[in-house]
C-alpha cells in the first residue's frame, strides 16, 4: 500500500460534508487544513482523482499525490499514523 496525499481548494463555500464523509470512508487522516493522507492499494493516481472529483463541485480544485517520502513540521497529524 502506498500513501496518497489529497488536497483540495473548495471555492464558493457550499456544503462539503459529502467530501468529508468520503475521506472518512478511506480512513484518511487530516494533515493540514485542506490536506489529507490515505493508504491505498491501487497505483493509479488518476483513478483516485476521478473518484474524489465526484464529491466536489466543478469549480473546486483537487490534487492527488502518490508519495514515497514526505517531510513536514507543525502538522495536525502524522502520515506515519496510518
Protein backbone atom coordinates (compact mmCIF):
# COMPACT_ATOMS: atom_id res chain seq x y z
CA UNK A 1 0.00 0.00 0.00
CA UNK A 2 1.15 3.50 -0.77
CA UNK A 3 0.46 6.82 0.85
CA UNK A 4 -1.52 9.33 -1.16
CA UNK A 5 -1.96 12.96 -0.26
CA UNK A 6 -5.25 14.58 -1.19
CA UNK A 7 -5.52 18.34 -1.21
CA UNK A 8 -8.46 20.45 -2.26
CA UNK A 9 -9.49 24.05 -2.66
CA UNK A 10 -13.22 24.39 -2.06
CA UNK A 11 -14.43 27.55 -3.73
CA UNK A 12 -17.70 29.43 -3.25
CA UNK A 13 -18.38 27.88 0.19
CA UNK A 14 -21.00 25.20 -0.25
CA UNK A 15 -21.87 22.05 1.66
CA UNK A 16 -18.87 19.74 1.52
CA UNK A 17 -19.95 17.18 4.07
CA UNK A 18 -20.12 14.55 1.30
CA UNK A 19 -16.37 15.03 0.63
CA UNK A 20 -15.53 14.78 4.32
CA UNK A 21 -17.68 11.66 4.65
CA UNK A 22 -15.89 10.03 1.71
CA UNK A 23 -12.48 10.87 3.16
CA UNK A 24 -13.62 9.23 6.38
CA UNK A 25 -14.58 6.06 4.46
CA UNK A 26 -10.98 5.90 3.23
CA UNK A 27 -9.78 6.32 6.84
CA UNK A 28 -7.99 9.49 5.79
CA UNK A 29 -6.14 11.49 8.38
CA UNK A 30 -6.09 15.26 8.25
CA UNK A 31 -2.54 16.55 7.92
CA UNK A 32 -3.27 20.26 7.41
CA UNK A 33 -6.49 22.22 6.96
CA UNK A 34 -7.10 21.07 3.38
CA UNK A 35 -4.65 18.18 3.16
CA UNK A 36 -5.42 14.57 3.95
CA UNK A 37 -3.41 11.37 3.66
CA UNK A 38 -4.68 7.86 2.91
CA UNK A 39 -3.19 4.44 2.27
CA UNK A 40 -4.42 2.93 -0.96
CA UNK A 41 -3.57 -0.23 -2.90
CA UNK A 42 -4.27 0.90 -6.44
CA UNK A 43 -1.36 2.72 -8.01
CA UNK A 44 -3.48 4.70 -10.44
CA UNK A 45 -3.48 8.27 -9.19
CA UNK A 46 -5.99 9.19 -11.89
CA UNK A 47 -8.48 6.67 -10.50
CA UNK A 48 -8.40 8.35 -7.10
CA UNK A 49 -8.77 11.77 -8.73
CA UNK A 50 -11.75 10.59 -10.73
CA UNK A 51 -13.31 9.09 -7.61
CA UNK A 52 -12.91 12.14 -5.37
CA UNK A 53 -13.96 14.67 -8.01
CA UNK A 54 -17.45 13.19 -7.62
CA UNK A 55 -17.57 14.74 -4.14
CA UNK A 56 -16.63 18.32 -5.02
CA UNK A 57 -18.14 20.98 -7.26
CA UNK A 58 -16.94 21.71 -10.79
CA UNK A 59 -15.19 24.94 -9.76
CA UNK A 60 -13.23 23.37 -6.89
CA UNK A 61 -9.56 22.39 -7.06
CA UNK A 62 -8.30 18.88 -6.30
CA UNK A 63 -4.88 17.24 -6.41
CA UNK A 64 -3.88 13.66 -5.61
CA UNK A 65 -0.20 12.95 -4.97
CA UNK A 66 1.33 9.47 -4.63
CA UNK A 67 4.19 9.71 -2.18
CA UNK A 68 7.12 7.54 -1.27
CA UNK A 69 8.68 10.14 1.05
CA UNK A 70 7.44 13.15 2.92
CA UNK A 71 8.64 15.67 5.49
CA UNK A 72 6.64 18.18 7.50
CA UNK A 73 6.57 20.45 10.50
CA UNK A 74 3.75 21.54 12.82
CA UNK A 75 1.31 19.06 11.27
CA UNK A 76 -2.11 18.37 12.74
CA UNK A 77 -1.45 14.61 12.38
CA UNK A 78 1.39 12.50 11.00
CA UNK A 79 1.03 10.31 7.89
CA UNK A 80 3.03 7.75 9.86
CA UNK A 81 -0.11 7.22 11.96
CA UNK A 82 -1.76 5.41 9.03
